[in-house]
C-alpha atoms as a PDB file:
ATOM      1  CA  MET A   1      10.817   8.545  11.744  1.00  0.00           C
ATOM      2  CA  ARG A   2      14.156   7.141  10.578  1.00  0.00           C
ATOM      3  CA  GLU A   3      15.360   3.856  11.950  1.00  0.00           C
ATOM      4  CA  THR A   4      18.782   3.701  13.508  1.00  0.00           C
ATOM      5  CA  ILE A   5      21.238   1.088  12.270  1.00  0.00           C
ATOM      6  CA  GLU A   6      20.645  -0.893  15.472  1.00  0.00           C
ATOM      7  CA  GLN A   7      16.878  -0.866  14.867  1.00  0.00           C
ATOM      8  CA  GLN A   8      17.361  -1.969  11.253  1.00  0.00           C
ATOM      9  CA  MET A   9      19.662  -4.798  12.318  1.00  0.00           C
ATOM     10  CA  LEU A  10      17.239  -5.932  15.042  1.00  0.00           C
ATOM     11  CA  ARG A  11      14.330  -5.859  12.570  1.00  0.00           C
ATOM     12  CA  GLY A  12      16.398  -7.886  10.088  1.00  0.00           C
ATOM     13  CA  LEU A  13      17.252 -10.494  12.718  1.00  0.00           C
ATOM     14  CA  LYS A  14      13.598 -10.794  13.737  1.00  0.00           C
ATOM     15  CA  GLN A  15      12.630 -11.308  10.097  1.00  0.00           C
ATOM     16  CA  LEU A  16      15.243 -14.022   9.665  1.00  0.00           C
ATOM     17  CA  MET A  17      14.024 -15.781  12.803  1.00  0.00           C
ATOM     18  CA  ASN A  18      10.401 -15.521  11.667  1.00  0.00           C
ATOM     19  CA  GLY A  19      11.184 -16.610   8.129  1.00  0.00           C
ATOM     20  CA  GLN A  20       9.556 -13.487   6.694  1.00  0.00           C
ATOM     21  CA  THR A  21      10.748 -10.325   5.030  1.00  0.00           C
ATOM     22  CA  GLU A  22       8.813  -7.073   5.284  1.00  0.00           C
ATOM     23  CA  PHE A  23       8.500  -4.466   2.557  1.00  0.00           C
ATOM     24  CA  SER A  24       7.313  -0.914   2.952  1.00  0.00           C
ATOM     25  CA  VAL A  25       5.814   0.406  -0.290  1.00  0.00           C
ATOM     26  CA  SER A  26       4.670   3.917  -1.060  1.00  0.00           C
ATOM     27  CA  PHE A  27       3.272   5.277  -4.309  1.00  0.00           C
ATOM     28  CA  THR A  28       0.777   7.786  -5.651  1.00  0.00           C
ATOM     29  CA  LEU A  29      -2.020   6.839  -8.027  1.00  0.00           C
ATOM     30  CA  SER A  30      -3.714   9.251 -10.394  1.00  0.00           C
ATOM     31  CA  ARG A  31      -6.668   8.842 -12.703  1.00  0.00           C
ATOM     32  CA  ASP A  32      -8.237  11.037 -15.355  1.00  0.00           C
ATOM     33  CA  ASN A  33     -11.441  12.563 -13.939  1.00  0.00           C
ATOM     34  CA  GLU A  34     -13.241  11.735 -17.191  1.00  0.00           C
ATOM     35  CA  MET A  35     -13.169   8.091 -16.065  1.00  0.00           C
ATOM     36  CA  LEU A  36     -15.752   8.997 -13.379  1.00  0.00           C
ATOM     37  CA  GLU A  37     -18.435   9.012 -16.080  1.00  0.00           C
ATOM     38  CA  HIS A  38     -17.740   5.364 -16.907  1.00  0.00           C
ATOM     39  CA  ASP A  39     -17.413   3.801 -13.463  1.00  0.00           C
ATOM     40  CA  GLU A  40     -17.622   5.507 -10.070  1.00  0.00           C
ATOM     41  CA  THR A  41     -15.767   2.636  -8.371  1.00  0.00           C
ATOM     42  CA  PHE A  42     -12.602   3.912 -10.064  1.00  0.00           C
ATOM     43  CA  PHE A  43     -12.743   6.781  -7.551  1.00  0.00           C
ATOM     44  CA  ASP A  44     -14.041   4.943  -4.483  1.00  0.00           C
ATOM     45  CA  VAL A  45     -11.287   4.812  -1.838  1.00  0.00           C
ATOM     46  CA  GLN A  46     -12.519   1.548  -0.285  1.00  0.00           C
ATOM     47  CA  HIS A  47     -12.787  -0.114  -3.703  1.00  0.00           C
ATOM     48  CA  ILE A  48      -9.224   0.938  -4.584  1.00  0.00           C
ATOM     49  CA  LYS A  49      -7.953  -0.384  -1.246  1.00  0.00           C
ATOM     50  CA  ASP A  50      -9.783  -3.697  -1.692  1.00  0.00           C
ATOM     51  CA  GLU A  51      -8.410  -4.125  -5.226  1.00  0.00           C
ATOM     52  CA  ILE A  52      -4.800  -3.451  -4.177  1.00  0.00           C
ATOM     53  CA  GLU A  53      -5.118  -5.847  -1.244  1.00  0.00           C
ATOM     54  CA  SER A  54      -6.641  -8.501  -3.529  1.00  0.00           C
ATOM     55  CA  TRP A  55      -3.832  -8.171  -6.097  1.00  0.00           C
ATOM     56  CA  LEU A  56      -1.134  -8.508  -3.451  1.00  0.00           C
ATOM     57  CA  THR A  57      -2.873 -11.370  -1.666  1.00  0.00           C
ATOM     58  CA  ASP A  58      -3.114 -13.212  -5.000  1.00  0.00           C
ATOM     59  CA  LEU A  59       0.694 -12.858  -5.188  1.00  0.00           C
ATOM     60  CA  ASP A  60       1.012 -14.494  -1.719  1.00  0.00           C
ATOM     61  CA  PHE A  61       1.795 -11.304   0.172  1.00  0.00           C
ATOM     62  CA  VAL A  62       0.326 -10.699   3.620  1.00  0.00           C
ATOM     63  CA  VAL A  63      -0.997  -7.146   3.529  1.00  0.00           C
ATOM     64  CA  SER A  64      -1.196  -4.997   6.651  1.00  0.00           C
ATOM     65  CA  LYS A  65      -1.509  -1.300   7.374  1.00  0.00           C
ATOM     66  CA  LEU A  66      -2.768  -0.502   3.869  1.00  0.00           C
ATOM     67  CA  ASN A  67      -4.009   3.072   3.782  1.00  0.00           C
ATOM     68  CA  VAL A  68      -5.684   4.693   0.769  1.00  0.00           C
ATOM     69  CA  THR A  69      -6.807   8.307   0.917  1.00  0.00           C
ATOM     70  CA  GLU A  70      -7.895  10.784  -1.697  1.00  0.00           C
ATOM     71  CA  ARG A  71      -5.499  13.672  -1.864  1.00  0.00           C
ATOM     72  CA  GLU A  72      -6.890  17.131  -2.471  1.00  0.00           C
ATOM     73  CA  THR A  73      -5.337  18.791  -5.517  1.00  0.00           C
ATOM     74  CA  ALA A  74      -5.128  22.464  -6.324  1.00  0.00           C
ATOM     75  CA  ASN A  75      -6.690  22.434  -9.805  1.00  0.00           C
END
């Protein structure tokens, strides 16, 4: 869903009033399947989520709505 200019402006004003700025980040992670032999946590969705949240929290970010899922590939 795309935000209208009015919605973007209203969100920006709310952020200024709250003294916070929000970021929306999206990326895809990949890992060589051979790593599974060395450590299964490298492929555990909850472990990956916890690690990302920990890294960002250590950098003083408040993390919300973090979603990590394993994507099925056609190999």
